C-alpha atoms as a PDB file:
ATOM      1  CA  UNK A   1      23.929  -9.456   7.743  1.00  0.00           C
ATOM      2  CA  UNK A   2      23.746  -5.764   8.648  1.00  0.00           C
ATOM      3  CA  UNK A   3      20.652  -3.550   8.312  1.00  0.00           C
ATOM      4  CA  UNK A   4      20.039  -2.427   4.740  1.00  0.00           C
ATOM      5  CA  UNK A   5      17.978   0.392   3.278  1.00  0.00           C
ATOM      6  CA  UNK A   6      15.518  -1.375   0.985  1.00  0.00           C
ATOM      7  CA  UNK A   7      13.656   1.777  -0.033  1.00  0.00           C
ATOM      8  CA  UNK A   8      14.502   5.461   0.168  1.00  0.00           C
ATOM      9  CA  UNK A   9      12.046   8.058  -1.117  1.00  0.00           C
ATOM     10  CA  UNK A  10      13.747  10.080  -3.867  1.00  0.00           C
ATOM     11  CA  UNK A  11      12.779  13.370  -2.187  1.00  0.00           C
ATOM     12  CA  UNK A  12      13.969  12.266   1.253  1.00  0.00           C
ATOM     13  CA  UNK A  13      10.453  11.798   2.610  1.00  0.00           C
ATOM     14  CA  UNK A  14      11.163   8.453   4.247  1.00  0.00           C
ATOM     15  CA  UNK A  15      12.894   5.125   4.103  1.00  0.00           C
ATOM     16  CA  UNK A  16      12.444   1.471   4.948  1.00  0.00           C
ATOM     17  CA  UNK A  17      15.329  -0.390   6.554  1.00  0.00           C
ATOM     18  CA  UNK A  18      15.493  -4.184   6.840  1.00  0.00           C
ATOM     19  CA  UNK A  19      17.453  -5.917   9.584  1.00  0.00           C
ATOM     20  CA  UNK A  20      17.227  -9.623   8.646  1.00  0.00           C
ATOM     21  CA  UNK A  21      19.537 -10.755  11.435  1.00  0.00           C
ATOM     22  CA  UNK A  22      17.097  -9.453  14.058  1.00  0.00           C
ATOM     23  CA  UNK A  23      13.922  -9.964  12.000  1.00  0.00           C
ATOM     24  CA  UNK A  24      12.967  -6.271  11.971  1.00  0.00           C
ATOM     25  CA  UNK A  25      11.798  -3.612   9.556  1.00  0.00           C
ATOM     26  CA  UNK A  26      12.037   0.095  10.334  1.00  0.00           C
ATOM     27  CA  UNK A  27       9.897   2.643   8.560  1.00  0.00           C
ATOM     28  CA  UNK A  28      10.875   6.229   9.159  1.00  0.00           C
ATOM     29  CA  UNK A  29      10.597   9.740   7.916  1.00  0.00           C
ATOM     30  CA  UNK A  30      13.999  11.266   8.708  1.00  0.00           C
ATOM     31  CA  UNK A  31      12.748  14.824   9.233  1.00  0.00           C
ATOM     32  CA  UNK A  32      10.248  13.546  11.831  1.00  0.00           C
ATOM     33  CA  UNK A  33      11.926  11.356  14.447  1.00  0.00           C
ATOM     34  CA  UNK A  34       8.551  10.687  16.104  1.00  0.00           C
ATOM     35  CA  UNK A  35       7.360   9.106  12.845  1.00  0.00           C
ATOM     36  CA  UNK A  36       9.506   5.975  13.144  1.00  0.00           C
ATOM     37  CA  UNK A  37       8.152   2.471  13.578  1.00  0.00           C
ATOM     38  CA  UNK A  38       9.942  -0.819  14.157  1.00  0.00           C
ATOM     39  CA  UNK A  39       8.153  -4.042  13.296  1.00  0.00           C
ATOM     40  CA  UNK A  40       9.305  -7.543  14.194  1.00  0.00           C
ATOM     41  CA  UNK A  41       8.658  -9.739  11.170  1.00  0.00           C
ATOM     42  CA  UNK A  42       9.683 -13.185  10.012  1.00  0.00           C
ATOM     43  CA  UNK A  43       9.828 -14.849   6.589  1.00  0.00           C
ATOM     44  CA  UNK A  44       6.092 -15.583   6.459  1.00  0.00           C
ATOM     45  CA  UNK A  45       5.221 -11.984   7.361  1.00  0.00           C
ATOM     46  CA  UNK A  46       7.676 -10.608   4.812  1.00  0.00           C
ATOM     47  CA  UNK A  47       6.051 -12.717   2.096  1.00  0.00           C
ATOM     48  CA  UNK A  48       2.600 -11.449   3.108  1.00  0.00           C
ATOM     49  CA  UNK A  49       3.794  -7.843   2.997  1.00  0.00           C
ATOM     50  CA  UNK A  50       5.394  -8.440  -0.414  1.00  0.00           C
ATOM     51  CA  UNK A  51       2.127  -9.828  -1.819  1.00  0.00           C
ATOM     52  CA  UNK A  52       0.131  -6.861  -0.512  1.00  0.00           C
ATOM     53  CA  UNK A  53       2.689  -4.357  -1.842  1.00  0.00           C
ATOM     54  CA  UNK A  54       2.523  -5.966  -5.293  1.00  0.00           C
ATOM     55  CA  UNK A  55      -1.282  -5.678  -5.255  1.00  0.00           C
ATOM     56  CA  UNK A  56      -1.027  -2.028  -4.220  1.00  0.00           C
ATOM     57  CA  UNK A  57       1.505  -1.302  -6.986  1.00  0.00           C
ATOM     58  CA  UNK A  58      -0.836  -2.866  -9.547  1.00  0.00           C
ATOM     59  CA  UNK A  59      -3.726  -0.683  -8.366  1.00  0.00           C
ATOM     60  CA  UNK A  60      -1.572   2.457  -8.449  1.00  0.00           C
ATOM     61  CA  UNK A  61      -0.319   1.475 -11.901  1.00  0.00           C
ATOM     62  CA  UNK A  62      -3.872   1.240 -13.254  1.00  0.00           C
ATOM     63  CA  UNK A  63      -4.310  -2.492 -12.810  1.00  0.00           C
ATOM     64  CA  UNK A  64      -1.284  -3.540 -14.892  1.00  0.00           C
ATOM     65  CA  UNK A  65      -0.158  -7.119 -14.385  1.00  0.00           C
END
């Protein structure tokens, strides 16, 4: 499975790329090459991140469930 963009900011302010074959996520802001991070992450870590992102979305959305 090749790396896939899982999120791209609509104004081009950054993107998140998943590379499941190598167990990596990249977070970058294309206009700023120094603002790129690669994180090694497995299934358990991905689930933890997903849970925290859902909580954050609920807070940003005014606590909607």
